[in-house]
Amino acid sequence: MNNATLQLQAGEYVAVVGESGVGKSTLLNLIAGLDRPDTGKISLDGVDYASLDEAGLTRLRRDSFGFVFQAFHILPHLTLLQNVMLPCWLQGIDGEAAAAPARQLLAAVGLQDRAESWPKELSGGELQRVAIARALVHRPRLVLADEPTGNLDPVNARRVLALLGERIRASGAIGILVTHSPEAAATADRVLHLTTDGLQA
């Protein structure tokens, strides 16, 4: 992957599409600071990733990023409320200061009555809504969604995509959706095509 230039402002929600193997996951890993670029620069709010050691990148991900994965990654031994509170706990925020925004997000995704339920009691669409709530609870600057509807039926996929876009825009975060689905990409404000030659509108 060469010549991939991308500059986003707060509140922007873009989709990145491309053929399998072109580097979509690599691009996401670079943006997440999980991989280091051979050349070029990646920065968030003026902070160059190259200036951070691994501990600094971990803090950046913890404090500023929200992740929505295709496989949900909801922890089975925690209730839904506790799963959503997890990013707050990792920042040292506990008690009602963590529980209140978690309950608000569960309400926003339509699961306010399931706060004390266990993940095994939910459907795939419901688990993905929990994942979105968890990704947004700590008000991240950047939300990264990696094929978030790959395991969902069409009805739940549409619901999850609408919710994801709505919450990203409402919170003023930057949203990047990586997908192979044209239908999913169409829910973003802008669609970028990743090829071996770079990113193109």
C-alpha atoms as a PDB file:
ATOM      1  CA  MET A   1       0.000   0.000   0.000  1.00  0.00           C
ATOM      2  CA  ASN A   2       1.474   3.316  -1.130  1.00  0.00           C
ATOM      3  CA  ASN A   3       0.384   6.966  -1.272  1.00  0.00           C
ATOM      4  CA  ALA A   4      -2.449   6.520   1.234  1.00  0.00           C
ATOM      5  CA  THR A   5      -3.269  10.064   2.352  1.00  0.00           C
ATOM      6  CA  LEU A   6      -6.209  10.705   4.662  1.00  0.00           C
ATOM      7  CA  GLN A   7      -7.061  13.785   6.706  1.00  0.00           C
ATOM      8  CA  LEU A   8     -10.254  13.903   8.765  1.00  0.00           C
ATOM      9  CA  GLN A   9     -11.956  16.467  10.986  1.00  0.00           C
ATOM     10  CA  ALA A  10     -14.097  15.968  14.079  1.00  0.00           C
ATOM     11  CA  GLY A  11     -17.557  14.727  13.181  1.00  0.00           C
ATOM     12  CA  GLU A  12     -16.496  13.129   9.887  1.00  0.00           C
ATOM     13  CA  TYR A  13     -17.550   9.549   9.230  1.00  0.00           C
ATOM     14  CA  VAL A  14     -15.899   7.803   6.286  1.00  0.00           C
ATOM     15  CA  ALA A  15     -15.963   4.309   4.865  1.00  0.00           C
ATOM     16  CA  VAL A  16     -12.911   2.599   3.384  1.00  0.00           C
ATOM     17  CA  VAL A  17     -13.656  -0.113   0.837  1.00  0.00           C
ATOM     18  CA  GLY A  18     -11.444  -2.285  -1.300  1.00  0.00           C
ATOM     19  CA  GLU A  19     -10.801  -5.768  -2.619  1.00  0.00           C
ATOM     20  CA  SER A  20      -9.731  -8.535  -0.263  1.00  0.00           C
ATOM     21  CA  GLY A  21      -6.008  -8.422   0.391  1.00  0.00           C
ATOM     22  CA  VAL A  22      -5.552  -4.817  -0.705  1.00  0.00           C
ATOM     23  CA  GLY A  23      -4.625  -3.696   2.816  1.00  0.00           C
ATOM     24  CA  LYS A  24      -7.802  -2.539   4.577  1.00  0.00           C
ATOM     25  CA  SER A  25      -6.908  -4.313   7.819  1.00  0.00           C
ATOM     26  CA  THR A  26      -3.329  -3.086   7.562  1.00  0.00           C
ATOM     27  CA  LEU A  27      -4.571   0.478   7.156  1.00  0.00           C
ATOM     28  CA  LEU A  28      -6.789   0.096  10.214  1.00  0.00           C
ATOM     29  CA  ASN A  29      -3.909  -1.360  12.235  1.00  0.00           C
ATOM     30  CA  LEU A  30      -1.713   1.578  11.233  1.00  0.00           C
ATOM     31  CA  ILE A  31      -4.377   4.112  12.233  1.00  0.00           C
ATOM     32  CA  ALA A  32      -4.840   2.243  15.530  1.00  0.00           C
ATOM     33  CA  GLY A  33      -1.101   2.369  16.215  1.00  0.00           C
ATOM     34  CA  LEU A  34      -0.884  -1.432  16.256  1.00  0.00           C
ATOM     35  CA  ASP A  35       1.527  -1.413  13.310  1.00  0.00           C
ATOM     36  CA  ARG A  36       4.179   1.163  12.434  1.00  0.00           C
ATOM     37  CA  PRO A  37       4.438   2.588   8.900  1.00  0.00           C
ATOM     38  CA  ASP A  38       7.672   2.121   6.960  1.00  0.00           C
ATOM     39  CA  THR A  39       7.348   5.678   5.691  1.00  0.00           C
ATOM     40  CA  GLY A  40       4.974   8.560   6.216  1.00  0.00           C
ATOM     41  CA  LYS A  41       3.274  10.010   9.260  1.00  0.00           C
ATOM     42  CA  ILE A  42       0.180   9.257  11.334  1.00  0.00           C
ATOM     43  CA  SER A  43      -1.064  11.732  13.932  1.00  0.00           C
ATOM     44  CA  LEU A  44      -4.135  12.449  16.052  1.00  0.00           C
ATOM     45  CA  ASP A  45      -4.812  15.972  17.361  1.00  0.00           C
ATOM     46  CA  GLY A  46      -1.307  16.965  16.324  1.00  0.00           C
ATOM     47  CA  VAL A  47       0.393  14.092  18.173  1.00  0.00           C
ATOM     48  CA  ASP A  48       2.686  12.146  15.829  1.00  0.00           C
ATOM     49  CA  TYR A  49       2.539   8.422  16.574  1.00  0.00           C
ATOM     50  CA  ALA A  50       6.271   8.222  15.861  1.00  0.00           C
ATOM     51  CA  SER A  51       6.893  10.366  18.954  1.00  0.00           C
ATOM     52  CA  LEU A  52       5.221   7.778  21.217  1.00  0.00           C
ATOM     53  CA  ASP A  53       6.678   4.594  22.662  1.00  0.00           C
ATOM     54  CA  GLU A  54       4.528   1.477  23.089  1.00  0.00           C
ATOM     55  CA  ALA A  55       3.235   2.662  26.460  1.00  0.00           C
ATOM     56  CA  GLY A  56       2.292   6.003  24.934  1.00  0.00           C
ATOM     57  CA  LEU A  57       0.471   4.334  22.058  1.00  0.00           C
ATOM     58  CA  THR A  58      -1.383   2.113  24.534  1.00  0.00           C
ATOM     59  CA  ARG A  59      -2.510   5.204  26.477  1.00  0.00           C
ATOM     60  CA  LEU A  60      -3.589   6.870  23.221  1.00  0.00           C
ATOM     61  CA  ARG A  61      -5.703   3.858  22.275  1.00  0.00           C
ATOM     62  CA  ARG A  62      -7.167   3.620  25.784  1.00  0.00           C
ATOM     63  CA  ASP A  63      -8.072   7.295  26.070  1.00  0.00           C
ATOM     64  CA  SER A  64      -8.860   8.387  22.516  1.00  0.00           C
ATOM     65  CA  PHE A  65      -9.995   5.358  20.513  1.00  0.00           C
ATOM     66  CA  GLY A  66     -13.201   3.342  20.365  1.00  0.00           C
ATOM     67  CA  PHE A  67     -13.169  -0.025  18.588  1.00  0.00           C
ATOM     68  CA  VAL A  68     -16.076  -1.940  17.040  1.00  0.00           C
ATOM     69  CA  PHE A  69     -15.077  -5.412  15.868  1.00  0.00           C
ATOM     70  CA  GLN A  70     -16.806  -7.895  13.588  1.00  0.00           C
ATOM     71  CA  ALA A  71     -16.594 -10.562  16.313  1.00  0.00           C
ATOM     72  CA  PHE A  72     -18.036  -8.225  19.010  1.00  0.00           C
ATOM     73  CA  HIS A  73     -15.434  -9.176  21.702  1.00  0.00           C
ATOM     74  CA  ILE A  74     -18.010  -8.827  24.478  1.00  0.00           C
ATOM     75  CA  LEU A  75     -16.615 -10.425  27.650  1.00  0.00           C
ATOM     76  CA  PRO A  76     -18.875 -13.331  28.697  1.00  0.00           C
ATOM     77  CA  HIS A  77     -18.154 -13.076  32.437  1.00  0.00           C
ATOM     78  CA  LEU A  78     -19.313  -9.437  32.648  1.00  0.00           C
ATOM     79  CA  THR A  79     -22.876  -8.126  32.487  1.00  0.00           C
ATOM     80  CA  LEU A  80     -23.805  -5.825  29.619  1.00  0.00           C
ATOM     81  CA  LEU A  81     -23.458  -2.786  31.854  1.00  0.00           C
ATOM     82  CA  GLN A  82     -20.032  -3.933  33.018  1.00  0.00           C
ATOM     83  CA  ASN A  83     -18.932  -4.574  29.428  1.00  0.00           C
ATOM     84  CA  VAL A  84     -19.883  -1.029  28.473  1.00  0.00           C
ATOM     85  CA  MET A  85     -18.184   0.380  31.578  1.00  0.00           C
ATOM     86  CA  LEU A  86     -14.902  -1.374  30.736  1.00  0.00           C
ATOM     87  CA  PRO A  87     -13.227   1.529  28.846  1.00  0.00           C
ATOM     88  CA  CYS A  88     -13.997   3.787  31.823  1.00  0.00           C
ATOM     89  CA  TRP A  89     -12.458   1.284  34.230  1.00  0.00           C
ATOM     90  CA  LEU A  90      -9.318   1.154  32.083  1.00  0.00           C
ATOM     91  CA  GLN A  91      -9.059   4.934  32.499  1.00  0.00           C
ATOM     92  CA  GLY A  92      -9.377   4.629  36.281  1.00  0.00           C
ATOM     93  CA  ILE A  93     -13.012   5.828  36.314  1.00  0.00           C
ATOM     94  CA  ASP A  94     -15.246   3.736  38.566  1.00  0.00           C
ATOM     95  CA  GLY A  95     -18.547   3.792  40.414  1.00  0.00           C
ATOM     96  CA  GLU A  96     -21.380   6.012  39.216  1.00  0.00           C
ATOM     97  CA  ALA A  97     -18.982   8.103  37.120  1.00  0.00           C
ATOM     98  CA  ALA A  98     -18.577   5.031  34.901  1.00  0.00           C
ATOM     99  CA  ALA A  99     -22.038   3.523  35.350  1.00  0.00           C
ATOM    100  CA  ALA A 100     -24.030   6.653  34.447  1.00  0.00           C
ATOM    101  CA  PRO A 101     -22.629   7.134  30.915  1.00  0.00           C
ATOM    102  CA  ALA A 102     -22.736   3.361  30.374  1.00  0.00           C
ATOM    103  CA  ARG A 103     -26.451   3.283  31.209  1.00  0.00           C
ATOM    104  CA  GLN A 104     -27.035   6.286  28.946  1.00  0.00           C
ATOM    105  CA  LEU A 105     -25.347   4.521  26.035  1.00  0.00           C
ATOM    106  CA  LEU A 106     -27.249   1.286  26.668  1.00  0.00           C
ATOM    107  CA  ALA A 107     -30.437   3.345  26.538  1.00  0.00           C
ATOM    108  CA  ALA A 108     -29.272   4.984  23.311  1.00  0.00           C
ATOM    109  CA  VAL A 109     -28.826   1.560  21.704  1.00  0.00           C
ATOM    110  CA  GLY A 110     -32.198   0.350  23.000  1.00  0.00           C
ATOM    111  CA  LEU A 111     -30.895  -2.030  25.667  1.00  0.00           C
ATOM    112  CA  GLN A 112     -31.626  -0.074  28.842  1.00  0.00           C
ATOM    113  CA  ASP A 113     -33.651  -2.981  30.245  1.00  0.00           C
ATOM    114  CA  ARG A 114     -30.854  -5.490  29.663  1.00  0.00           C
ATOM    115  CA  ALA A 115     -28.093  -3.848  31.710  1.00  0.00           C
ATOM    116  CA  GLU A 116     -27.789  -6.777  34.121  1.00  0.00           C
ATOM    117  CA  SER A 117     -28.156  -9.459  31.428  1.00  0.00           C
ATOM    118  CA  TRP A 118     -25.281 -11.732  30.434  1.00  0.00           C
ATOM    119  CA  PRO A 119     -23.912 -11.741  26.886  1.00  0.00           C
ATOM    120  CA  LYS A 120     -25.018 -15.361  26.297  1.00  0.00           C
ATOM    121  CA  GLU A 121     -28.637 -14.166  26.606  1.00  0.00           C
ATOM    122  CA  LEU A 122     -28.394 -11.774  23.628  1.00  0.00           C
ATOM    123  CA  SER A 123     -28.597 -12.107  19.871  1.00  0.00           C
ATOM    124  CA  GLY A 124     -25.775 -11.131  17.538  1.00  0.00           C
ATOM    125  CA  GLY A 125     -27.444  -7.836  16.659  1.00  0.00           C
ATOM    126  CA  GLU A 126     -27.893  -6.995  20.320  1.00  0.00           C
ATOM    127  CA  LEU A 127     -24.256  -7.848  21.098  1.00  0.00           C
ATOM    128  CA  GLN A 128     -23.104  -5.550  18.313  1.00  0.00           C
ATOM    129  CA  ARG A 129     -25.196  -2.745  19.814  1.00  0.00           C
ATOM    130  CA  VAL A 130     -23.431  -3.374  23.135  1.00  0.00           C
ATOM    131  CA  ALA A 131     -20.102  -3.155  21.300  1.00  0.00           C
ATOM    132  CA  ILE A 132     -21.081   0.227  19.852  1.00  0.00           C
ATOM    133  CA  ALA A 133     -22.103   1.488  23.305  1.00  0.00           C
ATOM    134  CA  ARG A 134     -18.776   0.300  24.724  1.00  0.00           C
ATOM    135  CA  ALA A 135     -16.820   1.957  21.908  1.00  0.00           C
ATOM    136  CA  LEU A 136     -18.450   5.334  22.604  1.00  0.00           C
ATOM    137  CA  VAL A 137     -18.836   5.406  26.400  1.00  0.00           C
ATOM    138  CA  HIS A 138     -15.551   7.214  27.096  1.00  0.00           C
ATOM    139  CA  ARG A 139     -16.172   9.812  24.357  1.00  0.00           C
ATOM    140  CA  PRO A 140     -13.301   8.762  22.088  1.00  0.00           C
ATOM    141  CA  ARG A 141     -11.851  11.104  19.507  1.00  0.00           C
ATOM    142  CA  LEU A 142     -11.621   8.298  16.940  1.00  0.00           C
ATOM    143  CA  VAL A 143     -13.955   5.334  16.361  1.00  0.00           C
ATOM    144  CA  LEU A 144     -12.633   2.464  14.253  1.00  0.00           C
ATOM    145  CA  ALA A 145     -15.120  -0.124  12.978  1.00  0.00           C
ATOM    146  CA  ASP A 146     -13.733  -3.235  11.285  1.00  0.00           C
ATOM    147  CA  GLU A 147     -16.423  -5.072   9.268  1.00  0.00           C
ATOM    148  CA  PRO A 148     -18.898  -4.564  12.127  1.00  0.00           C
ATOM    149  CA  THR A 149     -21.803  -6.192  10.287  1.00  0.00           C
ATOM    150  CA  GLY A 150     -20.016  -9.213   8.845  1.00  0.00           C
ATOM    151  CA  ASN A 151     -21.783 -11.620  11.217  1.00  0.00           C
ATOM    152  CA  LEU A 152     -25.222 -10.005  11.114  1.00  0.00           C
ATOM    153  CA  ASP A 153     -28.351 -10.608   9.083  1.00  0.00           C
ATOM    154  CA  PRO A 154     -29.406  -7.764   6.740  1.00  0.00           C
ATOM    155  CA  VAL A 155     -32.012  -6.314   9.107  1.00  0.00           C
ATOM    156  CA  ASN A 156     -29.668  -6.152  12.089  1.00  0.00           C
ATOM    157  CA  ALA A 157     -26.839  -4.948   9.846  1.00  0.00           C
ATOM    158  CA  ARG A 158     -28.897  -1.936   8.749  1.00  0.00           C
ATOM    159  CA  ARG A 159     -29.865  -1.152  12.334  1.00  0.00           C
ATOM    160  CA  VAL A 160     -26.283  -1.385  13.602  1.00  0.00           C
ATOM    161  CA  LEU A 161     -24.911   0.764  10.769  1.00  0.00           C
ATOM    162  CA  ALA A 162     -27.552   3.451  11.282  1.00  0.00           C
ATOM    163  CA  LEU A 163     -26.841   3.485  15.008  1.00  0.00           C
ATOM    164  CA  LEU A 164     -23.077   3.610  14.537  1.00  0.00           C
ATOM    165  CA  GLY A 165     -23.245   6.552  12.148  1.00  0.00           C
ATOM    166  CA  GLU A 166     -25.764   8.400  14.295  1.00  0.00           C
ATOM    167  CA  ARG A 167     -23.710   8.045  17.482  1.00  0.00           C
ATOM    168  CA  ILE A 168     -20.413   8.970  15.817  1.00  0.00           C
ATOM    169  CA  ARG A 169     -21.909  12.140  14.352  1.00  0.00           C
ATOM    170  CA  ALA A 170     -23.715  13.052  17.584  1.00  0.00           C
ATOM    171  CA  SER A 171     -20.560  12.692  19.682  1.00  0.00           C
ATOM    172  CA  GLY A 172     -18.380  14.683  17.278  1.00  0.00           C
ATOM    173  CA  ALA A 173     -15.906  11.832  16.930  1.00  0.00           C
ATOM    174  CA  ILE A 174     -14.034  10.855  13.791  1.00  0.00           C
ATOM    175  CA  GLY A 175     -15.414   7.579  12.433  1.00  0.00           C
ATOM    176  CA  ILE A 176     -13.666   5.166  10.076  1.00  0.00           C
ATOM    177  CA  LEU A 177     -15.619   2.156   8.830  1.00  0.00           C
ATOM    178  CA  VAL A 178     -13.629  -0.537   7.017  1.00  0.00           C
ATOM    179  CA  THR A 179     -15.897  -2.780   4.969  1.00  0.00           C
ATOM    180  CA  HIS A 180     -16.182  -4.821   1.798  1.00  0.00           C
ATOM    181  CA  SER A 181     -19.908  -4.099   1.626  1.00  0.00           C
ATOM    182  CA  PRO A 182     -21.125  -1.292  -0.678  1.00  0.00           C
ATOM    183  CA  GLU A 183     -24.370  -1.175   1.307  1.00  0.00           C
ATOM    184  CA  ALA A 184     -22.479  -0.620   4.562  1.00  0.00           C
ATOM    185  CA  ALA A 185     -20.173   1.957   2.988  1.00  0.00           C
ATOM    186  CA  ALA A 186     -23.160   3.937   1.686  1.00  0.00           C
ATOM    187  CA  THR A 187     -24.171   4.768   5.279  1.00  0.00           C
ATOM    188  CA  ALA A 188     -21.010   6.866   5.763  1.00  0.00           C
ATOM    189  CA  ASP A 189     -20.672  10.505   4.748  1.00  0.00           C
ATOM    190  CA  ARG A 190     -17.863   9.733   2.340  1.00  0.00           C
ATOM    191  CA  VAL A 191     -16.558   6.552   0.685  1.00  0.00           C
ATOM    192  CA  LEU A 192     -12.862   6.043  -0.031  1.00  0.00           C
ATOM    193  CA  HIS A 193     -11.538   3.227  -2.205  1.00  0.00           C
ATOM    194  CA  LEU A 194      -8.268   1.599  -1.162  1.00  0.00           C
ATOM    195  CA  THR A 195      -6.151   0.140  -3.948  1.00  0.00           C
ATOM    196  CA  THR A 196      -2.499  -0.780  -4.208  1.00  0.00           C
ATOM    197  CA  ASP A 197      -1.977   2.760  -5.498  1.00  0.00           C
ATOM    198  CA  GLY A 198      -3.496   4.443  -2.447  1.00  0.00           C
ATOM    199  CA  LEU A 199      -6.801   5.933  -1.302  1.00  0.00           C
ATOM    200  CA  GLN A 200      -9.161   7.466  -3.804  1.00  0.00           C
ATOM    201  CA  ALA A 201     -12.575   9.101  -3.464  1.00  0.00           C
END
